Amino acid sequence: MIATFDFSRFNRLQGLVLPQLEGIKRADVENWAREDAADYCRATNVFPPIRQLFEEWEKQYAADNIPMEQLVDRLERLLLNIVY
């Protein structure tokens, strides 16, 4: 099992196993938008589309977080629609 992998048995290899990533919450996306994406979204309020994205996800999947592999595509489309 990878979670208990013993790296010490290899001479010059160091490492650790990270916990599985959980889905991303709306507050995390809003913080990212506020801090890191602000240069791209300065003229437009990005928060209502983010809220709508998460509300639709919650209705469809009964979950308050979105897996990163699903979120990336959705955020990219959302930002492209706002910026351009």
C-alpha atoms as a PDB file:
ATOM      1  CA  MET A   1       0.000   0.000   0.000  1.00  0.00           C
ATOM      2  CA  ILE A   2       1.427   3.352  -1.035  1.00  0.00           C
ATOM      3  CA  ALA A   3       0.277   5.178   2.131  1.00  0.00           C
ATOM      4  CA  THR A   4       2.789   3.198   4.187  1.00  0.00           C
ATOM      5  CA  PHE A   5       5.597   3.034   1.635  1.00  0.00           C
ATOM      6  CA  ASP A   6       9.022   2.787   3.305  1.00  0.00           C
ATOM      7  CA  PHE A   7      11.406   5.106   1.467  1.00  0.00           C
ATOM      8  CA  SER A   8      14.262   4.278   3.854  1.00  0.00           C
ATOM      9  CA  ARG A   9      15.010   1.020   2.051  1.00  0.00           C
ATOM     10  CA  PHE A  10      16.388   3.018  -0.908  1.00  0.00           C
ATOM     11  CA  ASN A  11      19.910   4.371  -0.572  1.00  0.00           C
ATOM     12  CA  ARG A  12      19.541   7.929  -1.914  1.00  0.00           C
ATOM     13  CA  LEU A  13      15.804   8.343  -2.202  1.00  0.00           C
ATOM     14  CA  GLN A  14      13.799  10.489   0.140  1.00  0.00           C
ATOM     15  CA  GLY A  15      10.095  11.087   0.065  1.00  0.00           C
ATOM     16  CA  LEU A  16       6.813  10.994   1.846  1.00  0.00           C
ATOM     17  CA  VAL A  17       3.294  10.098   0.868  1.00  0.00           C
ATOM     18  CA  LEU A  18       0.858  12.994   1.012  1.00  0.00           C
ATOM     19  CA  PRO A  19      -2.769  12.513   1.991  1.00  0.00           C
ATOM     20  CA  GLN A  20      -5.268  12.294  -0.833  1.00  0.00           C
ATOM     21  CA  LEU A  21      -6.460  15.696  -1.995  1.00  0.00           C
ATOM     22  CA  GLU A  22     -10.000  16.512  -1.055  1.00  0.00           C
ATOM     23  CA  GLY A  23     -12.349  18.543  -3.216  1.00  0.00           C
ATOM     24  CA  ILE A  24     -11.986  22.302  -3.355  1.00  0.00           C
ATOM     25  CA  LYS A  25     -14.456  24.428  -1.394  1.00  0.00           C
ATOM     26  CA  ARG A  26     -16.062  27.637  -2.609  1.00  0.00           C
ATOM     27  CA  ALA A  27     -14.259  29.755  -0.006  1.00  0.00           C
ATOM     28  CA  ASP A  28     -10.916  28.486  -1.315  1.00  0.00           C
ATOM     29  CA  VAL A  29     -11.823  29.448  -4.886  1.00  0.00           C
ATOM     30  CA  GLU A  30     -13.047  32.863  -3.758  1.00  0.00           C
ATOM     31  CA  ASN A  31      -9.812  33.446  -1.829  1.00  0.00           C
ATOM     32  CA  TRP A  32      -7.823  32.442  -4.915  1.00  0.00           C
ATOM     33  CA  ALA A  33      -9.887  34.812  -7.078  1.00  0.00           C
ATOM     34  CA  ARG A  34      -9.442  37.643  -4.592  1.00  0.00           C
ATOM     35  CA  GLU A  35      -5.685  37.183  -4.210  1.00  0.00           C
ATOM     36  CA  ASP A  36      -4.228  35.489  -7.302  1.00  0.00           C
ATOM     37  CA  ALA A  37      -6.678  36.120 -10.121  1.00  0.00           C
ATOM     38  CA  ALA A  38      -7.414  39.727  -9.213  1.00  0.00           C
ATOM     39  CA  ASP A  39      -5.194  41.087 -12.002  1.00  0.00           C
ATOM     40  CA  TYR A  40      -7.281  39.276 -14.598  1.00  0.00           C
ATOM     41  CA  CYS A  41     -10.708  39.920 -13.095  1.00  0.00           C
ATOM     42  CA  ARG A  42     -10.285  43.437 -11.767  1.00  0.00           C
ATOM     43  CA  ALA A  43     -13.058  45.026 -13.838  1.00  0.00           C
ATOM     44  CA  THR A  44     -15.638  42.311 -13.325  1.00  0.00           C
ATOM     45  CA  ASN A  45     -17.133  40.778 -10.245  1.00  0.00           C
ATOM     46  CA  VAL A  46     -16.083  37.145 -10.447  1.00  0.00           C
ATOM     47  CA  PHE A  47     -17.834  36.073  -7.262  1.00  0.00           C
ATOM     48  CA  PRO A  48     -21.418  35.618  -8.528  1.00  0.00           C
ATOM     49  CA  PRO A  49     -20.296  33.178 -11.266  1.00  0.00           C
ATOM     50  CA  ILE A  50     -18.208  31.263  -8.713  1.00  0.00           C
ATOM     51  CA  ARG A  51     -21.196  31.103  -6.380  1.00  0.00           C
ATOM     52  CA  GLN A  52     -23.397  29.867  -9.231  1.00  0.00           C
ATOM     53  CA  LEU A  53     -20.816  27.247 -10.193  1.00  0.00           C
ATOM     54  CA  PHE A  54     -20.792  25.822  -6.674  1.00  0.00           C
ATOM     55  CA  GLU A  55     -24.568  26.037  -6.235  1.00  0.00           C
ATOM     56  CA  GLU A  56     -25.095  24.051  -9.445  1.00  0.00           C
ATOM     57  CA  TRP A  57     -22.503  21.479  -8.354  1.00  0.00           C
ATOM     58  CA  GLU A  58     -24.163  21.124  -4.937  1.00  0.00           C
ATOM     59  CA  LYS A  59     -27.577  20.580  -6.526  1.00  0.00           C
ATOM     60  CA  GLN A  60     -26.252  17.958  -8.923  1.00  0.00           C
ATOM     61  CA  TYR A  61     -23.848  16.074  -6.636  1.00  0.00           C
ATOM     62  CA  ALA A  62     -24.986  16.926  -3.076  1.00  0.00           C
ATOM     63  CA  ALA A  63     -21.426  17.956  -2.226  1.00  0.00           C
ATOM     64  CA  ASP A  64     -20.033  21.319  -1.145  1.00  0.00           C
ATOM     65  CA  ASN A  65     -16.657  20.783  -2.787  1.00  0.00           C
ATOM     66  CA  ILE A  66     -15.554  20.087  -6.353  1.00  0.00           C
ATOM     67  CA  PRO A  67     -12.709  17.704  -7.255  1.00  0.00           C
ATOM     68  CA  MET A  68      -9.762  19.621  -8.696  1.00  0.00           C
ATOM     69  CA  GLU A  69      -9.858  17.777 -12.025  1.00  0.00           C
ATOM     70  CA  GLN A  70     -13.483  18.909 -12.473  1.00  0.00           C
ATOM     71  CA  LEU A  71     -12.943  22.412 -11.133  1.00  0.00           C
ATOM     72  CA  VAL A  72     -10.045  23.339 -13.417  1.00  0.00           C
ATOM     73  CA  ASP A  73     -12.078  23.091 -16.625  1.00  0.00           C
ATOM     74  CA  ARG A  74     -15.059  24.892 -15.150  1.00  0.00           C
ATOM     75  CA  LEU A  75     -12.971  27.743 -13.729  1.00  0.00           C
ATOM     76  CA  GLU A  76     -11.086  28.158 -16.972  1.00  0.00           C
ATOM     77  CA  ARG A  77     -14.335  28.532 -18.928  1.00  0.00           C
ATOM     78  CA  LEU A  78     -15.762  30.857 -16.289  1.00  0.00           C
ATOM     79  CA  LEU A  79     -12.703  33.135 -16.358  1.00  0.00           C
ATOM     80  CA  LEU A  80     -12.495  33.142 -20.151  1.00  0.00           C
ATOM     81  CA  ASN A  81     -16.112  34.288 -20.321  1.00  0.00           C
ATOM     82  CA  ILE A  82     -15.440  37.084 -17.843  1.00  0.00           C
ATOM     83  CA  VAL A  83     -12.105  38.300 -19.189  1.00  0.00           C
ATOM     84  CA  TYR A  84     -12.963  38.223 -22.893  1.00  0.00           C
END
